[in-house]
Amino acid sequence: MNYFQPCQKLLEKKRNGAKTYKIHDKARTPYQRVLENSAIDKEVKSKLIQIRNGLNMLALHEEIQSKREELEKLKIPVPSPVTTIIQMQRNAVQKLLAHESAEQSKIKSTIEETRKSISMLELGTVFTCKEILQEGQRRESLDVFLCRLRAEGMIQRCGWGKYKVVKIAI
């Protein structure tokens, strides 16, 4: 039973259009309500009075605080869901970046091999994409690289899939 915390009971609720009016009684503790109730036996009331007289609010408060501190010591730290999601996103981004950097280094080495093979050709030599396509290299990546070499002025396009060496790279 609650001996200390008063509360208000709803006595009446009226509705006037969209507005609701509520009427509450005076704030009292459940202990006070039991003592005021005439339907409760005097024996029950006397037991409640004895219990209430044995209670010390300050001692109860201190006991509750010590129990809370004990529970805090037993608490296992659990990260918030937001923190967990942020960490998962960071891990996914790091994985993606690691994968991209590995992929980029592979592309760079393939590009260098292709550049070397083209620079070994003599000026005016005509070659096809199939002739310089490295093993495991995709045709799309080779086309992109050949476009770069055309922009640098190292090769010239002279037909469908045919290129001509016009400048030797040093």
C-alpha atoms as a PDB file:
ATOM      1  CA  MET A   1       0.000   0.000   0.000  1.00  0.00           C
ATOM      2  CA  ASN A   2       1.118   3.504  -0.707  1.00  0.00           C
ATOM      3  CA  TYR A   3       1.510   5.485   2.510  1.00  0.00           C
ATOM      4  CA  PHE A   4       3.281   8.567   1.150  1.00  0.00           C
ATOM      5  CA  GLN A   5       2.347   9.446  -2.446  1.00  0.00           C
ATOM      6  CA  PRO A   6      -0.955  11.310  -2.740  1.00  0.00           C
ATOM      7  CA  CYS A   7      -3.079  10.999  -5.867  1.00  0.00           C
ATOM      8  CA  GLN A   8      -6.354  12.458  -7.139  1.00  0.00           C
ATOM      9  CA  LYS A   9      -9.307  10.320  -8.105  1.00  0.00           C
ATOM     10  CA  LEU A  10     -11.550  11.274 -11.014  1.00  0.00           C
ATOM     11  CA  LEU A  11     -15.023  12.053  -9.683  1.00  0.00           C
ATOM     12  CA  GLU A  12     -16.815  13.308 -12.751  1.00  0.00           C
ATOM     13  CA  LYS A  13     -16.204  13.768 -16.464  1.00  0.00           C
ATOM     14  CA  LYS A  14     -18.378  16.114 -18.541  1.00  0.00           C
ATOM     15  CA  ARG A  15     -18.335  16.751 -22.241  1.00  0.00           C
ATOM     16  CA  ASN A  16     -19.403  20.047 -23.731  1.00  0.00           C
ATOM     17  CA  GLY A  17     -18.985  19.830 -27.511  1.00  0.00           C
ATOM     18  CA  ALA A  18     -15.316  19.100 -28.227  1.00  0.00           C
ATOM     19  CA  LYS A  19     -14.214  20.185 -24.742  1.00  0.00           C
ATOM     20  CA  THR A  20     -14.020  17.670 -21.872  1.00  0.00           C
ATOM     21  CA  TYR A  21     -14.211  18.819 -18.253  1.00  0.00           C
ATOM     22  CA  LYS A  22     -12.862  16.597 -15.481  1.00  0.00           C
ATOM     23  CA  ILE A  23     -13.561  17.012 -11.780  1.00  0.00           C
ATOM     24  CA  HIS A  24     -11.124  15.398  -9.300  1.00  0.00           C
ATOM     25  CA  ASP A  25     -11.308  14.987  -5.557  1.00  0.00           C
ATOM     26  CA  LYS A  26      -8.765  16.297  -3.065  1.00  0.00           C
ATOM     27  CA  ALA A  27      -5.307  14.678  -3.333  1.00  0.00           C
ATOM     28  CA  ARG A  28      -4.900  12.000  -0.650  1.00  0.00           C
ATOM     29  CA  THR A  29      -2.782   8.892  -0.179  1.00  0.00           C
ATOM     30  CA  PRO A  30      -4.419   5.471  -0.521  1.00  0.00           C
ATOM     31  CA  TYR A  31      -3.619   4.996   3.188  1.00  0.00           C
ATOM     32  CA  GLN A  32      -5.721   8.075   4.054  1.00  0.00           C
ATOM     33  CA  ARG A  33      -8.565   6.848   1.834  1.00  0.00           C
ATOM     34  CA  VAL A  34      -8.651   3.491   3.646  1.00  0.00           C
ATOM     35  CA  LEU A  35      -8.714   5.199   7.060  1.00  0.00           C
ATOM     36  CA  GLU A  36     -11.592   7.465   5.931  1.00  0.00           C
ATOM     37  CA  ASN A  37     -13.611   4.564   4.522  1.00  0.00           C
ATOM     38  CA  SER A  38     -16.284   3.401   6.966  1.00  0.00           C
ATOM     39  CA  ALA A  39     -16.646  -0.030   5.302  1.00  0.00           C
ATOM     40  CA  ILE A  40     -13.156  -1.119   6.464  1.00  0.00           C
ATOM     41  CA  ASP A  41     -12.885  -2.945   9.847  1.00  0.00           C
ATOM     42  CA  LYS A  42     -11.220  -1.186  12.765  1.00  0.00           C
ATOM     43  CA  GLU A  43      -8.746  -4.094  13.121  1.00  0.00           C
ATOM     44  CA  VAL A  44      -7.483  -3.585   9.570  1.00  0.00           C
ATOM     45  CA  LYS A  45      -7.213   0.146  10.181  1.00  0.00           C
ATOM     46  CA  SER A  46      -5.273  -0.369  13.429  1.00  0.00           C
ATOM     47  CA  LYS A  47      -2.809  -2.735  11.653  1.00  0.00           C
ATOM     48  CA  LEU A  48      -2.289  -0.137   8.910  1.00  0.00           C
ATOM     49  CA  ILE A  49      -1.699   2.581  11.525  1.00  0.00           C
ATOM     50  CA  GLN A  50       0.915   0.387  13.275  1.00  0.00           C
ATOM     51  CA  ILE A  51       2.672  -0.267   9.965  1.00  0.00           C
ATOM     52  CA  ARG A  52       2.612   3.438   9.112  1.00  0.00           C
ATOM     53  CA  ASN A  53       4.040   4.412  12.524  1.00  0.00           C
ATOM     54  CA  GLY A  54       6.914   1.959  11.959  1.00  0.00           C
ATOM     55  CA  LEU A  55       7.848   3.553   8.635  1.00  0.00           C
ATOM     56  CA  ASN A  56      10.573   6.179   8.386  1.00  0.00           C
ATOM     57  CA  MET A  57      10.600   8.059   5.078  1.00  0.00           C
ATOM     58  CA  LEU A  58      14.271   9.017   5.358  1.00  0.00           C
ATOM     59  CA  ALA A  59      15.360   5.453   6.163  1.00  0.00           C
ATOM     60  CA  LEU A  60      13.265   4.094   3.275  1.00  0.00           C
ATOM     61  CA  HIS A  61      14.760   6.646   0.908  1.00  0.00           C
ATOM     62  CA  GLU A  62      18.317   5.727   1.948  1.00  0.00           C
ATOM     63  CA  GLU A  63      17.573   2.018   1.598  1.00  0.00           C
ATOM     64  CA  ILE A  64      16.130   2.522  -1.884  1.00  0.00           C
ATOM     65  CA  GLN A  65      19.199   4.565  -2.905  1.00  0.00           C
ATOM     66  CA  SER A  66      21.597   1.866  -1.663  1.00  0.00           C
ATOM     67  CA  LYS A  67      19.654  -0.827  -3.551  1.00  0.00           C
ATOM     68  CA  ARG A  68      19.778   1.290  -6.714  1.00  0.00           C
ATOM     69  CA  GLU A  69      23.551   1.676  -6.354  1.00  0.00           C
ATOM     70  CA  GLU A  70      23.913  -2.103  -5.936  1.00  0.00           C
ATOM     71  CA  LEU A  71      21.860  -2.636  -9.089  1.00  0.00           C
ATOM     72  CA  GLU A  72      23.976  -0.089 -10.971  1.00  0.00           C
ATOM     73  CA  LYS A  73      27.102  -2.091 -10.082  1.00  0.00           C
ATOM     74  CA  LEU A  74      25.492  -5.250 -11.498  1.00  0.00           C
ATOM     75  CA  LYS A  75      24.389  -3.524 -14.682  1.00  0.00           C
ATOM     76  CA  ILE A  76      25.870  -4.790 -17.932  1.00  0.00           C
ATOM     77  CA  PRO A  77      26.557  -1.946 -20.340  1.00  0.00           C
ATOM     78  CA  VAL A  78      24.435  -2.339 -23.482  1.00  0.00           C
ATOM     79  CA  PRO A  79      25.063   0.076 -26.336  1.00  0.00           C
ATOM     80  CA  SER A  80      22.108   1.954 -27.667  1.00  0.00           C
ATOM     81  CA  PRO A  81      20.620   0.749 -30.966  1.00  0.00           C
ATOM     82  CA  VAL A  82      21.673   4.008 -32.614  1.00  0.00           C
ATOM     83  CA  THR A  83      25.309   3.465 -31.603  1.00  0.00           C
ATOM     84  CA  THR A  84      25.153  -0.108 -32.892  1.00  0.00           C
ATOM     85  CA  ILE A  85      23.729   0.992 -36.242  1.00  0.00           C
ATOM     86  CA  ILE A  86      26.370   3.721 -36.617  1.00  0.00           C
ATOM     87  CA  GLN A  87      29.141   1.200 -35.892  1.00  0.00           C
ATOM     88  CA  MET A  88      27.668  -1.248 -38.419  1.00  0.00           C
ATOM     89  CA  GLN A  89      27.566   1.504 -41.056  1.00  0.00           C
ATOM     90  CA  ARG A  90      31.187   2.432 -40.353  1.00  0.00           C
ATOM     91  CA  ASN A  91      32.255  -1.199 -40.695  1.00  0.00           C
ATOM     92  CA  ALA A  92      30.367  -1.541 -43.976  1.00  0.00           C
ATOM     93  CA  VAL A  93      31.960   1.639 -45.360  1.00  0.00           C
ATOM     94  CA  GLN A  94      35.443   0.476 -44.324  1.00  0.00           C
ATOM     95  CA  LYS A  95      34.853  -2.890 -46.002  1.00  0.00           C
ATOM     96  CA  LEU A  96      33.645  -1.158 -49.141  1.00  0.00           C
ATOM     97  CA  LEU A  97      36.619   1.199 -49.196  1.00  0.00           C
ATOM     98  CA  ALA A  98      39.040  -1.696 -48.686  1.00  0.00           C
ATOM     99  CA  HIS A  99      37.373  -3.599 -51.524  1.00  0.00           C
ATOM    100  CA  GLU A 100      37.452  -0.522 -53.788  1.00  0.00           C
ATOM    101  CA  SER A 101      41.115   0.175 -53.054  1.00  0.00           C
ATOM    102  CA  ALA A 102      42.019  -3.450 -53.852  1.00  0.00           C
ATOM    103  CA  GLU A 103      39.973  -3.205 -57.044  1.00  0.00           C
ATOM    104  CA  GLN A 104      41.615   0.118 -57.947  1.00  0.00           C
ATOM    105  CA  SER A 105      45.122  -1.253 -57.431  1.00  0.00           C
ATOM    106  CA  LYS A 106      44.241  -4.198 -59.663  1.00  0.00           C
ATOM    107  CA  ILE A 107      42.951  -1.815 -62.335  1.00  0.00           C
ATOM    108  CA  LYS A 108      46.078   0.361 -62.052  1.00  0.00           C
ATOM    109  CA  SER A 109      48.380  -2.630 -62.530  1.00  0.00           C
ATOM    110  CA  THR A 110      46.339  -3.766 -65.527  1.00  0.00           C
ATOM    111  CA  ILE A 111      46.480  -0.266 -66.991  1.00  0.00           C
ATOM    112  CA  GLU A 112      50.261  -0.141 -66.535  1.00  0.00           C
ATOM    113  CA  GLU A 113      50.662  -3.529 -68.229  1.00  0.00           C
ATOM    114  CA  THR A 114      48.507  -2.354 -71.131  1.00  0.00           C
ATOM    115  CA  ARG A 115      50.455   0.914 -71.369  1.00  0.00           C
ATOM    116  CA  LYS A 116      53.743  -1.038 -71.484  1.00  0.00           C
ATOM    117  CA  SER A 117      52.486  -3.381 -74.178  1.00  0.00           C
ATOM    118  CA  ILE A 118      51.290  -0.427 -76.307  1.00  0.00           C
ATOM    119  CA  SER A 119      54.524   1.519 -75.774  1.00  0.00           C
ATOM    120  CA  MET A 120      56.505  -1.507 -77.077  1.00  0.00           C
ATOM    121  CA  LEU A 121      54.726  -1.187 -80.400  1.00  0.00           C
ATOM    122  CA  GLU A 122      56.367   0.891 -83.136  1.00  0.00           C
ATOM    123  CA  LEU A 123      54.938   4.185 -84.397  1.00  0.00           C
ATOM    124  CA  GLY A 124      52.171   3.676 -86.925  1.00  0.00           C
ATOM    125  CA  THR A 125      51.399   0.130 -85.783  1.00  0.00           C
ATOM    126  CA  VAL A 126      47.693  -0.704 -85.986  1.00  0.00           C
ATOM    127  CA  PHE A 127      46.307  -2.988 -83.305  1.00  0.00           C
ATOM    128  CA  THR A 128      42.919  -4.275 -82.160  1.00  0.00           C
ATOM    129  CA  CYS A 129      41.495  -4.377 -78.660  1.00  0.00           C
ATOM    130  CA  LYS A 130      41.593  -8.171 -78.672  1.00  0.00           C
ATOM    131  CA  GLU A 131      45.355  -8.142 -79.281  1.00  0.00           C
ATOM    132  CA  ILE A 132      46.139  -6.124 -76.145  1.00  0.00           C
ATOM    133  CA  LEU A 133      43.357  -7.351 -73.869  1.00  0.00           C
ATOM    134  CA  GLN A 134      45.027  -8.758 -70.740  1.00  0.00           C
ATOM    135  CA  GLU A 135      43.923 -12.022 -69.191  1.00  0.00           C
ATOM    136  CA  GLY A 136      41.066 -11.389 -66.718  1.00  0.00           C
ATOM    137  CA  GLN A 137      40.625  -7.816 -67.980  1.00  0.00           C
ATOM    138  CA  ARG A 138      37.165  -6.674 -68.945  1.00  0.00           C
ATOM    139  CA  ARG A 139      36.640  -5.136 -72.353  1.00  0.00           C
ATOM    140  CA  GLU A 140      34.815  -2.138 -70.809  1.00  0.00           C
ATOM    141  CA  SER A 141      37.793  -1.216 -68.630  1.00  0.00           C
ATOM    142  CA  LEU A 142      40.110  -1.514 -71.644  1.00  0.00           C
ATOM    143  CA  ASP A 143      37.854   0.799 -73.660  1.00  0.00           C
ATOM    144  CA  VAL A 144      37.976   3.381 -70.881  1.00  0.00           C
ATOM    145  CA  PHE A 145      41.749   3.147 -70.760  1.00  0.00           C
ATOM    146  CA  LEU A 146      42.059   3.439 -74.529  1.00  0.00           C
ATOM    147  CA  CYS A 147      39.930   6.579 -74.392  1.00  0.00           C
ATOM    148  CA  ARG A 148      42.444   8.003 -71.911  1.00  0.00           C
ATOM    149  CA  LEU A 149      45.319   7.170 -74.230  1.00  0.00           C
ATOM    150  CA  ARG A 150      43.459   8.833 -77.114  1.00  0.00           C
ATOM    151  CA  ALA A 151      42.984  11.943 -74.973  1.00  0.00           C
ATOM    152  CA  GLU A 152      46.725  11.931 -74.196  1.00  0.00           C
ATOM    153  CA  GLY A 153      47.434  11.723 -77.923  1.00  0.00           C
ATOM    154  CA  MET A 154      49.303   8.403 -77.673  1.00  0.00           C
ATOM    155  CA  ILE A 155      46.940   6.486 -79.973  1.00  0.00           C
ATOM    156  CA  GLN A 156      44.416   7.298 -82.660  1.00  0.00           C
ATOM    157  CA  ARG A 157      41.238   5.444 -83.517  1.00  0.00           C
ATOM    158  CA  CYS A 158      41.249   4.227 -87.103  1.00  0.00           C
ATOM    159  CA  GLY A 159      38.273   1.882 -87.252  1.00  0.00           C
ATOM    160  CA  TRP A 160      35.886  -0.222 -85.249  1.00  0.00           C
ATOM    161  CA  GLY A 161      38.070  -1.630 -82.453  1.00  0.00           C
ATOM    162  CA  LYS A 162      41.269  -0.640 -84.297  1.00  0.00           C
ATOM    163  CA  TYR A 163      43.825   1.844 -83.034  1.00  0.00           C
ATOM    164  CA  LYS A 164      47.087   3.260 -84.340  1.00  0.00           C
ATOM    165  CA  VAL A 165      50.139   4.220 -82.254  1.00  0.00           C
ATOM    166  CA  VAL A 166      50.974   7.880 -82.979  1.00  0.00           C
ATOM    167  CA  LYS A 167      53.244   8.719 -80.031  1.00  0.00           C
ATOM    168  CA  ILE A 168      55.561   6.629 -77.904  1.00  0.00           C
ATOM    169  CA  ALA A 169      55.193   7.128 -74.142  1.00  0.00           C
ATOM    170  CA  ILE A 170      58.372   7.546 -72.156  1.00  0.00           C
END
